[in-house]
Protein backbone atom coordinates (compact mmCIF):
# COMPACT_ATOMS: atom_id res chain seq x y z
CA UNK A 1 80.23 121.63 208.29
CA UNK A 2 82.63 121.59 211.26
CA UNK A 3 85.79 119.62 210.51
CA UNK A 4 88.48 117.82 212.45
CA UNK A 5 91.68 119.71 211.65
CA UNK A 6 94.08 117.87 213.96
CA UNK A 7 94.22 114.96 216.39
CA UNK A 8 96.99 113.67 218.67
CA UNK A 9 97.33 110.75 221.06
CA UNK A 10 99.79 109.68 223.75
CA UNK A 11 101.85 106.50 223.79
CA UNK A 12 102.97 106.19 227.40
CA UNK A 13 106.56 105.07 228.04
CA UNK A 14 105.36 102.26 230.34
CA UNK A 15 103.36 100.20 227.86
CA UNK A 16 103.19 96.63 229.15
CA UNK A 17 102.39 93.30 227.50
CA UNK A 18 99.17 91.67 228.64
CA UNK A 19 100.76 88.38 229.70
CA UNK A 20 102.99 90.30 232.13
CA UNK A 21 99.98 92.09 233.63
CA UNK A 22 98.26 88.71 233.96
CA UNK A 23 101.14 87.33 236.01
CA UNK A 24 101.11 90.43 238.20
CA UNK A 25 97.36 90.05 238.79
CA UNK A 26 97.88 86.38 239.67
CA UNK A 27 100.22 87.38 242.49
CA UNK A 28 97.78 89.95 243.87
CA UNK A 29 94.51 87.99 243.61
CA UNK A 30 95.64 84.40 244.20
CA UNK A 31 95.14 84.39 248.00
CA UNK A 32 91.46 85.35 247.52
CA UNK A 33 90.62 83.11 244.55
CA UNK A 34 91.30 79.38 245.05
CA UNK A 35 90.49 78.76 241.36
CA UNK A 36 92.58 81.67 240.16
CA UNK A 37 93.81 79.97 236.97
CA UNK A 38 90.28 79.54 235.64
CA UNK A 39 89.34 83.14 236.41
CA UNK A 40 92.58 84.51 234.94
CA UNK A 41 91.44 83.21 231.56
CA UNK A 42 89.65 86.55 231.24
CA UNK A 43 93.04 88.13 230.45
CA UNK A 44 93.45 85.83 227.45
CA UNK A 45 89.95 86.55 226.10
CA UNK A 46 90.17 90.33 225.93
CA UNK A 47 91.90 90.61 222.56
CA UNK A 48 94.54 92.81 224.23
CA UNK A 49 98.25 92.30 223.60
CA UNK A 50 99.67 95.52 225.06
CA UNK A 51 98.38 97.94 227.71
CA UNK A 52 99.03 101.70 227.78
CA UNK A 53 100.01 102.50 231.41
CA UNK A 54 101.07 105.85 232.85
CA UNK A 55 103.17 104.20 235.59
CA UNK A 56 105.61 101.28 235.81
CA UNK A 57 103.82 98.05 236.73
CA UNK A 58 105.51 97.87 240.15
CA UNK A 59 103.60 101.01 241.22
CA UNK A 60 100.30 99.12 241.24
CA UNK A 61 101.56 96.51 243.69
CA UNK A 62 101.84 99.09 246.48
CA UNK A 63 98.90 100.38 248.47
CA UNK A 64 98.08 104.03 247.71
CA UNK A 65 95.46 106.19 249.39
CA UNK A 66 92.92 108.16 247.43
CA UNK A 67 94.69 111.50 247.93
CA UNK A 68 98.01 110.08 246.73
CA UNK A 69 96.50 108.52 243.62
CA UNK A 70 94.44 111.58 242.80
CA UNK A 71 97.47 113.85 243.18
CA UNK A 72 99.24 111.62 240.65
CA UNK A 73 96.20 111.82 238.39
CA UNK A 74 96.34 115.62 238.34
CA UNK A 75 100.10 115.72 237.78
CA UNK A 76 100.21 113.11 235.00
CA UNK A 77 96.98 114.27 233.37
CA UNK A 78 98.28 117.82 233.05
CA UNK A 79 101.72 116.75 231.85
CA UNK A 80 100.49 114.55 229.03
CA UNK A 81 97.44 116.64 228.13
CA UNK A 82 99.80 119.56 227.49
CA UNK A 83 101.98 117.38 225.24
CA UNK A 84 98.95 116.17 223.27
CA UNK A 85 97.54 119.70 222.91
CA UNK A 86 100.89 121.11 221.79
CA UNK A 87 101.26 118.36 219.19
CA UNK A 88 97.72 118.98 218.01
CA UNK A 89 98.23 122.74 217.72
CA UNK A 90 101.56 122.34 215.91
CA UNK A 91 100.04 119.94 213.39
CA UNK A 92 97.17 122.32 212.62
CA UNK A 93 99.36 125.48 212.75
CA UNK A 94 97.03 126.92 215.38
CA UNK A 95 98.11 129.22 218.21
CA UNK A 96 96.69 129.26 221.72
CA UNK A 97 94.98 132.59 221.11
CA UNK A 98 93.05 131.06 218.18
CA UNK A 99 91.20 128.51 220.32
CA UNK A 100 87.71 129.68 221.23
CA UNK A 101 86.47 126.73 223.31
CA UNK A 102 87.92 123.90 225.37
CA UNK A 103 86.08 120.72 226.35
CA UNK A 104 87.81 118.52 228.90
CA UNK A 105 86.51 114.96 229.39
CA UNK A 106 87.58 112.55 232.13
CA UNK A 107 86.07 110.11 234.62
CA UNK A 108 89.15 108.77 236.41
CA UNK A 109 90.22 111.61 238.69
CA UNK A 110 89.04 114.80 240.37
CA UNK A 111 90.26 118.38 240.20
CA UNK A 112 88.80 121.76 241.06
CA UNK A 113 89.66 123.97 239.27
CA UNK A 114 89.07 121.39 236.54
CA UNK A 115 91.96 120.23 234.36
CA UNK A 116 90.93 122.51 231.48
CA UNK A 117 91.78 125.51 233.68
CA UNK A 118 95.20 124.04 234.41
CA UNK A 119 95.78 123.46 230.69
CA UNK A 120 94.72 127.02 229.82
CA UNK A 121 97.15 128.42 232.39
CA UNK A 122 100.03 126.14 231.45
CA UNK A 123 99.77 126.88 227.71
CA UNK A 124 98.58 130.47 228.06
CA UNK A 125 95.56 129.80 225.86
CA UNK A 126 92.99 132.47 225.00
CA UNK A 127 91.88 134.11 228.27
CA UNK A 128 88.35 134.45 226.91
CA UNK A 129 88.12 130.76 226.07
CA UNK A 130 84.81 129.05 226.88
CA UNK A 131 85.37 126.08 229.22
CA UNK A 132 83.28 122.91 229.41
CA UNK A 133 84.61 120.27 231.83
CA UNK A 134 82.72 116.94 231.63
CA UNK A 135 82.89 114.24 234.29
CA UNK A 136 81.03 110.94 234.50
CA UNK A 137 80.40 109.89 230.89
CA UNK A 138 82.97 107.11 231.19
CA UNK A 139 83.55 105.16 228.00
CA UNK A 140 80.86 107.20 226.23
CA UNK A 141 82.80 110.43 226.78
CA UNK A 142 84.92 110.18 223.63
CA UNK A 143 81.97 110.27 221.26
CA UNK A 144 79.97 112.53 223.57
CA UNK A 145 82.83 115.04 223.77
CA UNK A 146 83.43 114.95 220.01
CA UNK A 147 79.72 115.54 219.39
CA UNK A 148 79.62 118.50 221.78
CA UNK A 149 82.68 120.00 220.07
CA UNK A 150 80.96 119.55 216.72
CA UNK A 151 77.80 121.28 217.92
CA UNK A 152 79.83 124.23 219.24
CA UNK A 153 81.61 124.59 215.90
CA UNK A 154 78.31 124.30 214.04
CA UNK A 155 76.91 127.24 215.99
CA UNK A 156 79.97 129.44 215.39
CA UNK A 157 81.75 129.27 212.00
CA UNK A 158 84.75 131.09 213.53
CA UNK A 159 85.16 128.55 216.34
CA UNK A 160 88.22 126.41 216.94
CA UNK A 161 87.24 123.93 219.62
CA UNK A 162 89.84 122.00 221.60
CA UNK A 163 88.67 118.63 222.90
CA UNK A 164 90.92 116.92 225.45
CA UNK A 165 90.22 113.43 226.81
CA UNK A 166 92.30 112.09 229.70
CA UNK A 167 91.60 108.72 231.29
CA UNK A 168 94.14 107.30 233.73
CA UNK A 169 92.17 104.17 234.57
CA UNK A 170 95.17 102.38 236.07
CA UNK A 171 95.39 104.96 238.86
CA UNK A 172 91.95 103.88 240.10
CA UNK A 173 93.14 100.29 240.68
CA UNK A 174 92.57 99.19 244.28
CA UNK A 175 95.02 96.40 245.07
CA UNK A 176 93.20 95.60 248.31
CA UNK A 177 89.86 95.08 246.54
CA UNK A 178 89.61 91.35 245.86
CA UNK A 179 86.21 91.44 244.15
CA UNK A 180 85.65 89.71 240.84
CA UNK A 181 84.74 93.02 239.19
CA UNK A 182 88.12 94.46 240.18
CA UNK A 183 89.91 91.40 238.81
CA UNK A 184 88.02 91.63 235.50
CA UNK A 185 88.68 95.38 235.37
CA UNK A 186 92.38 94.74 235.85
CA UNK A 187 92.34 92.68 232.64
CA UNK A 188 90.87 95.47 230.50
CA UNK A 189 91.52 99.04 231.52
CA UNK A 190 94.51 101.21 230.73
CA UNK A 191 95.46 104.88 230.22
CA UNK A 192 94.94 107.23 227.29
CA UNK A 193 95.22 110.92 226.44
CA UNK A 194 94.01 112.60 223.25
CA UNK A 195 93.58 116.12 221.92
CA UNK A 196 91.45 117.15 218.94
CA UNK A 197 90.80 120.43 217.20
CA UNK A 198 87.39 120.84 215.54
CA UNK A 199 86.96 124.00 213.46
CA UNK A 200 83.98 125.91 212.16
CA UNK A 201 83.44 126.59 208.45
CA UNK A 202 85.58 129.73 208.44
CA UNK A 203 88.57 128.04 210.12
CA UNK A 204 89.05 124.81 208.21
CA UNK A 205 92.53 123.36 207.85
CA UNK A 206 94.58 122.38 204.83
CA UNK A 207 94.67 118.58 205.19
CA UNK A 208 93.73 116.56 202.13
CA UNK A 209 91.79 114.24 204.44
CA UNK A 210 88.53 115.74 205.70
CA UNK A 211 86.43 114.44 208.59
CA UNK A 212 83.33 116.58 209.06
CA UNK A 213 80.73 116.46 211.83
CA UNK A 214 77.14 116.07 210.65
CA UNK A 215 75.14 115.29 213.76
CA UNK A 216 74.78 113.25 216.94
CA UNK A 217 72.37 111.37 219.16
CA UNK A 218 72.40 110.48 222.85
CA UNK A 219 70.26 107.73 224.36
CA UNK A 220 69.60 106.94 228.02
CA UNK A 221 68.31 103.51 229.02
CA UNK A 222 65.93 103.74 231.98
CA UNK A 223 66.49 101.66 235.11
CA UNK A 224 70.07 100.74 234.23
CA UNK A 225 72.01 103.04 236.57
CA UNK A 226 73.87 100.14 238.15
CA UNK A 227 75.18 98.66 234.89
CA UNK A 228 78.43 100.65 234.91
CA UNK A 229 80.10 103.27 237.06
CA UNK A 230 82.09 103.97 240.20
CA UNK A 231 81.40 103.35 243.85
CA UNK A 232 83.28 106.09 245.69
CA UNK A 233 85.02 104.76 248.79
CA UNK A 234 87.51 106.14 251.29
CA UNK A 235 90.23 104.23 249.44
CA UNK A 236 89.25 105.53 245.99
CA UNK A 237 87.19 104.60 242.93
CA UNK A 238 85.76 101.05 242.97
CA UNK A 239 84.80 99.87 239.48
CA UNK A 240 81.27 98.61 238.86
CA UNK A 241 80.11 96.96 235.67
CA UNK A 242 77.59 94.32 234.80
CA UNK A 243 77.92 91.23 232.65
CA UNK A 244 74.60 92.31 231.08
CA UNK A 245 76.23 95.01 228.92
CA UNK A 246 76.46 92.84 225.75
CA UNK A 247 72.80 91.84 226.23
CA UNK A 248 71.69 95.47 226.53
CA UNK A 249 73.58 96.27 223.33
CA UNK A 250 72.04 93.31 221.52
CA UNK A 251 68.53 94.33 222.54
CA UNK A 252 68.79 98.03 221.69
CA UNK A 253 71.59 99.09 219.40
CA UNK A 254 70.15 98.17 215.99
CA UNK A 255 66.95 100.10 216.66
CA UNK A 256 68.83 103.08 218.09
CA UNK A 257 71.34 103.30 215.24
CA UNK A 258 68.62 102.89 212.61
CA UNK A 259 66.55 105.64 214.21
CA UNK A 260 69.58 107.95 214.29
CA UNK A 261 70.57 107.33 210.65
CA UNK A 262 66.99 107.71 209.42
CA UNK A 263 67.15 111.39 210.42
CA UNK A 264 69.64 111.79 207.55
CA UNK A 265 67.81 109.42 205.16
CA UNK A 266 70.57 106.85 205.68
CA UNK A 267 70.76 103.18 206.65
CA UNK A 268 73.60 100.96 207.85
CA UNK A 269 74.36 100.18 204.21
CA UNK A 270 75.53 103.80 203.78
CA UNK A 271 78.15 103.58 206.55
CA UNK A 272 81.65 102.89 205.23
CA UNK A 273 83.74 103.53 208.37
CA UNK A 274 83.01 102.28 211.89
CA UNK A 275 84.68 104.24 214.70
CA UNK A 276 83.50 102.23 217.69
CA UNK A 277 84.68 102.17 221.28
CA UNK A 278 86.12 98.71 221.98
CA UNK A 279 84.50 97.92 225.31
CA UNK A 280 85.64 94.31 225.13
CA UNK A 281 85.45 91.23 222.95
CA UNK A 282 81.84 90.38 223.89
CA UNK A 283 80.76 93.96 223.28
CA UNK A 284 82.29 93.96 219.79
CA UNK A 285 80.62 90.64 219.00
CA UNK A 286 77.29 92.13 220.12
CA UNK A 287 77.83 95.08 217.76
CA UNK A 288 78.65 92.80 214.84
CA UNK A 289 75.68 90.51 215.35
CA UNK A 290 73.14 93.25 216.12
CA UNK A 291 74.19 95.67 213.37
CA UNK A 292 74.95 92.87 210.89
CA UNK A 293 78.46 94.08 210.17
CA UNK A 294 81.59 92.02 209.64
CA UNK A 295 84.70 91.58 211.77
CA UNK A 296 86.57 93.45 209.01
CA UNK A 297 84.40 96.52 209.65
CA UNK A 298 85.79 96.72 213.19
CA UNK A 299 89.41 95.88 212.38
CA UNK A 300 90.66 99.36 213.33
CA UNK A 301 88.75 99.24 216.60
CA UNK A 302 90.25 95.82 217.36
CA UNK A 303 93.72 97.04 216.41
CA UNK A 304 93.49 99.84 218.99
CA UNK A 305 92.10 97.46 221.61
CA UNK A 306 94.97 95.03 220.96
CA UNK A 307 97.68 97.71 221.16
CA UNK A 308 96.36 99.85 224.01
CA UNK A 309 93.56 98.20 226.00
CA UNK A 310 90.34 99.91 227.07
CA UNK A 311 91.22 103.55 227.85
CA UNK A 312 87.65 104.54 228.66
CA UNK A 313 86.58 107.73 226.82
CA UNK A 314 89.92 108.21 225.07
CA UNK A 315 89.82 104.85 223.27
CA UNK A 316 87.40 105.76 220.48
CA UNK A 317 89.53 108.82 219.71
CA UNK A 318 92.59 106.58 219.33
CA UNK A 319 90.45 104.72 216.77
CA UNK A 320 89.58 108.01 215.06
CA UNK A 321 93.23 109.06 215.08
CA UNK A 322 94.20 105.84 213.31
CA UNK A 323 91.58 106.44 210.61
CA UNK A 324 92.79 110.04 210.25
CA UNK A 325 96.45 109.05 209.93
CA UNK A 326 96.16 105.78 208.00
CA UNK A 327 93.24 106.58 205.70
CA UNK A 328 89.67 105.45 205.30
CA UNK A 329 86.98 104.76 202.72
CA UNK A 330 85.30 107.86 201.31
CA UNK A 331 81.77 108.16 202.62
CA UNK A 332 79.96 108.27 205.93
CA UNK A 333 81.42 107.22 209.27
CA UNK A 334 79.60 106.24 212.46
CA UNK A 335 81.10 106.89 215.87
CA UNK A 336 79.58 104.86 218.70
CA UNK A 337 80.23 104.25 222.39
CA UNK A 338 78.31 103.11 225.47
CA UNK A 339 78.82 104.35 229.00
CA UNK A 340 77.48 104.87 232.53
CA UNK A 341 73.87 105.87 232.76
CA UNK A 342 73.52 103.36 231.01
CA UNK A 343 73.73 105.29 227.76
CA UNK A 344 74.88 105.38 224.17
CA UNK A 345 76.51 108.23 222.29
CA UNK A 346 76.61 108.39 218.47
CA UNK A 347 78.02 110.81 215.93
CA UNK A 348 77.64 110.82 212.15
CA UNK A 349 80.64 112.09 210.21
CA UNK A 350 81.53 112.57 206.55
CA UNK A 351 84.98 111.28 205.54
CA UNK A 352 86.84 112.30 202.38
CA UNK A 353 90.42 111.43 201.44
CA UNK A 354 90.73 114.22 198.86
CA UNK A 355 93.17 114.08 195.97
């Protein structure tokens, strides 16, 4: 079974407390919302205490064109992706020439050549590396990317697959967009960068903790294309998301998870570790009620949400990193995230602490 042999995340130097971001948003949105105090309550209901931002807060008060923000996306994405990859490689004692595949996942900026090519050049990785850049999976991209890395390593026991997730959500903020969706988005989204190495059977690491990939499932929900995504404008990326997301989860997720687990003769009772993307407080409540799990089952997910905010695809990998570093219960783990499409991505993993 393919195994996770290393994982690294980025703590940006400009992490900011939520109450400070709330005050900043008040100054920006107040002229357009007469009842701003009532609407700003959304900041207090997120479960977020600290946000992971790639820029000082003052940056977001100035008006930036799309080219300027995207140039910053490329610069910052490359800088911190390289740091995460180097930390990941050092931890696993893997050299650049050992890596057979690279998957790069992002939905918050554009680059051609894609960022994986920039990373390969910067770190002088294997010139024969197989590249898979993925754009557009949004919050589902963490689980979707991990699953695709697992499948690659399943097909080649000599593979060492590098998965890099970069989401600089804050750089998509449009401070001249006074829509309610932009205000709500400003209460949730932040920045995250992760790197993972997933190895085939012949390249497993030496860690006493083992997280192995068993399988995955993707699900598209018809006629829900407008639930979440971007509207691309001259000024940049305008966030779109529907208040119906918790309802869609409530109506579908139990059936979908049960169907997925049944392929392995498992039920929810067999799952000991829940590595879920924290899309927001209402989303987590929908998971708990639909899957009949407790708040304690999602404590690690909530911890990451509280400390970092919603970092789109990278968030679930921050949750995985915390399990990997802090420990977990021996047994099966379920990774789960929802994203644009509207879709769900799931991965089943086996988790063993060793001796």
